[in-house]
């Protein structure tokens, strides 16, 4: 019985992890992100948006990875 409970918990946890991974939407770049302080971030590559948290992840021109949370930006636009 304990083994069955452990298997159930592992499978439940795995499903939650899969849900977290499918929460990400890839948006084709280039993109312009307007920050809350009025500054503008321009990307030449795609961005990723967490549907659940609205956090944006992008890479700058040096390929450094950045994340912006919903309170960090006002809006974003992508595409040519």
C-alpha atoms as a PDB file:
ATOM      1  CA  UNK A   1       0.000   0.000   0.000  1.00  0.00           C
ATOM      2  CA  UNK A   2       2.849   2.409   0.801  1.00  0.00           C
ATOM      3  CA  UNK A   3       4.426   1.642  -2.565  1.00  0.00           C
ATOM      4  CA  UNK A   4       1.187   2.530  -4.360  1.00  0.00           C
ATOM      5  CA  UNK A   5       0.970   5.830  -2.457  1.00  0.00           C
ATOM      6  CA  UNK A   6       4.563   6.663  -3.359  1.00  0.00           C
ATOM      7  CA  UNK A   7       3.939   5.918  -7.040  1.00  0.00           C
ATOM      8  CA  UNK A   8       0.822   8.107  -6.954  1.00  0.00           C
ATOM      9  CA  UNK A   9       2.741  11.012  -5.385  1.00  0.00           C
ATOM     10  CA  UNK A  10       5.568  10.725  -7.897  1.00  0.00           C
ATOM     11  CA  UNK A  11       3.145  10.695 -10.830  1.00  0.00           C
ATOM     12  CA  UNK A  12       1.224  13.671  -9.402  1.00  0.00           C
ATOM     13  CA  UNK A  13       4.443  15.643  -8.962  1.00  0.00           C
ATOM     14  CA  UNK A  14       5.524  14.756 -12.514  1.00  0.00           C
ATOM     15  CA  UNK A  15       2.231  16.051 -13.914  1.00  0.00           C
ATOM     16  CA  UNK A  16       2.671  19.337 -12.064  1.00  0.00           C
ATOM     17  CA  UNK A  17       6.193  19.685 -13.476  1.00  0.00           C
ATOM     18  CA  UNK A  18       4.903  19.081 -17.012  1.00  0.00           C
ATOM     19  CA  UNK A  19       2.211  21.723 -16.496  1.00  0.00           C
ATOM     20  CA  UNK A  20       4.883  24.212 -15.433  1.00  0.00           C
ATOM     21  CA  UNK A  21       6.938  23.486 -18.571  1.00  0.00           C
ATOM     22  CA  UNK A  22       3.973  23.853 -20.932  1.00  0.00           C
ATOM     23  CA  UNK A  23       3.179  27.228 -19.393  1.00  0.00           C
ATOM     24  CA  UNK A  24       5.864  28.857 -21.603  1.00  0.00           C
ATOM     25  CA  UNK A  25       4.868  30.515 -24.880  1.00  0.00           C
ATOM     26  CA  UNK A  26       7.594  31.327 -27.411  1.00  0.00           C
ATOM     27  CA  UNK A  27       7.011  34.602 -29.248  1.00  0.00           C
ATOM     28  CA  UNK A  28       8.921  35.286 -32.470  1.00  0.00           C
ATOM     29  CA  UNK A  29      11.206  38.309 -32.448  1.00  0.00           C
ATOM     30  CA  UNK A  30      12.473  40.875 -32.906  1.00  0.00           C
ATOM     31  CA  UNK A  31      10.723  42.368 -29.874  1.00  0.00           C
ATOM     32  CA  UNK A  32      10.439  45.715 -28.150  1.00  0.00           C
ATOM     33  CA  UNK A  33       9.736  45.754 -24.417  1.00  0.00           C
ATOM     34  CA  UNK A  34       8.689  48.968 -22.676  1.00  0.00           C
ATOM     35  CA  UNK A  35       9.846  48.962 -19.043  1.00  0.00           C
ATOM     36  CA  UNK A  36       7.887  50.573 -16.222  1.00  0.00           C
ATOM     37  CA  UNK A  37      10.519  53.317 -15.904  1.00  0.00           C
ATOM     38  CA  UNK A  38      10.032  54.246 -19.583  1.00  0.00           C
ATOM     39  CA  UNK A  39      13.231  52.629 -20.857  1.00  0.00           C
ATOM     40  CA  UNK A  40      13.055  50.438 -23.949  1.00  0.00           C
ATOM     41  CA  UNK A  41      14.608  46.982 -24.393  1.00  0.00           C
ATOM     42  CA  UNK A  42      14.978  45.763 -27.976  1.00  0.00           C
ATOM     43  CA  UNK A  43      15.729  42.140 -28.777  1.00  0.00           C
ATOM     44  CA  UNK A  44      16.640  40.610 -32.111  1.00  0.00           C
ATOM     45  CA  UNK A  45      15.652  37.114 -30.992  1.00  0.00           C
ATOM     46  CA  UNK A  46      12.500  35.424 -29.784  1.00  0.00           C
ATOM     47  CA  UNK A  47      11.240  35.916 -26.252  1.00  0.00           C
ATOM     48  CA  UNK A  48       9.532  33.452 -23.926  1.00  0.00           C
ATOM     49  CA  UNK A  49       6.463  34.392 -21.924  1.00  0.00           C
ATOM     50  CA  UNK A  50       5.153  32.509 -18.914  1.00  0.00           C
ATOM     51  CA  UNK A  51       1.397  32.464 -19.351  1.00  0.00           C
ATOM     52  CA  UNK A  52       0.907  31.914 -15.630  1.00  0.00           C
ATOM     53  CA  UNK A  53       3.209  34.629 -14.239  1.00  0.00           C
ATOM     54  CA  UNK A  54       3.528  36.894 -17.329  1.00  0.00           C
ATOM     55  CA  UNK A  55       7.327  36.869 -16.865  1.00  0.00           C
ATOM     56  CA  UNK A  56       9.339  37.527 -20.034  1.00  0.00           C
ATOM     57  CA  UNK A  57      12.680  35.818 -20.656  1.00  0.00           C
ATOM     58  CA  UNK A  58      15.002  37.034 -23.414  1.00  0.00           C
ATOM     59  CA  UNK A  59      18.661  37.128 -24.455  1.00  0.00           C
ATOM     60  CA  UNK A  60      20.556  40.336 -25.098  1.00  0.00           C
ATOM     61  CA  UNK A  61      23.040  40.946 -27.921  1.00  0.00           C
ATOM     62  CA  UNK A  62      25.768  39.202 -25.893  1.00  0.00           C
ATOM     63  CA  UNK A  63      23.462  36.157 -25.413  1.00  0.00           C
ATOM     64  CA  UNK A  64      23.078  36.927 -21.694  1.00  0.00           C
ATOM     65  CA  UNK A  65      19.768  35.614 -20.340  1.00  0.00           C
ATOM     66  CA  UNK A  66      17.383  38.120 -18.711  1.00  0.00           C
ATOM     67  CA  UNK A  67      13.994  37.814 -17.040  1.00  0.00           C
ATOM     68  CA  UNK A  68      11.466  40.565 -16.532  1.00  0.00           C
ATOM     69  CA  UNK A  69       8.495  40.108 -14.247  1.00  0.00           C
ATOM     70  CA  UNK A  70       5.104  41.702 -14.859  1.00  0.00           C
ATOM     71  CA  UNK A  71       5.848  44.638 -12.541  1.00  0.00           C
ATOM     72  CA  UNK A  72       9.099  45.306 -14.488  1.00  0.00           C
ATOM     73  CA  UNK A  73       7.459  46.095 -17.854  1.00  0.00           C
ATOM     74  CA  UNK A  74       4.439  47.937 -19.230  1.00  0.00           C
ATOM     75  CA  UNK A  75       4.077  46.212 -22.588  1.00  0.00           C
ATOM     76  CA  UNK A  76       5.835  44.346 -25.365  1.00  0.00           C
ATOM     77  CA  UNK A  77       5.456  43.984 -29.135  1.00  0.00           C
ATOM     78  CA  UNK A  78       7.077  41.391 -31.370  1.00  0.00           C
ATOM     79  CA  UNK A  79       7.429  40.665 -35.042  1.00  0.00           C
ATOM     80  CA  UNK A  80       8.598  42.535 -38.092  1.00  0.00           C
END
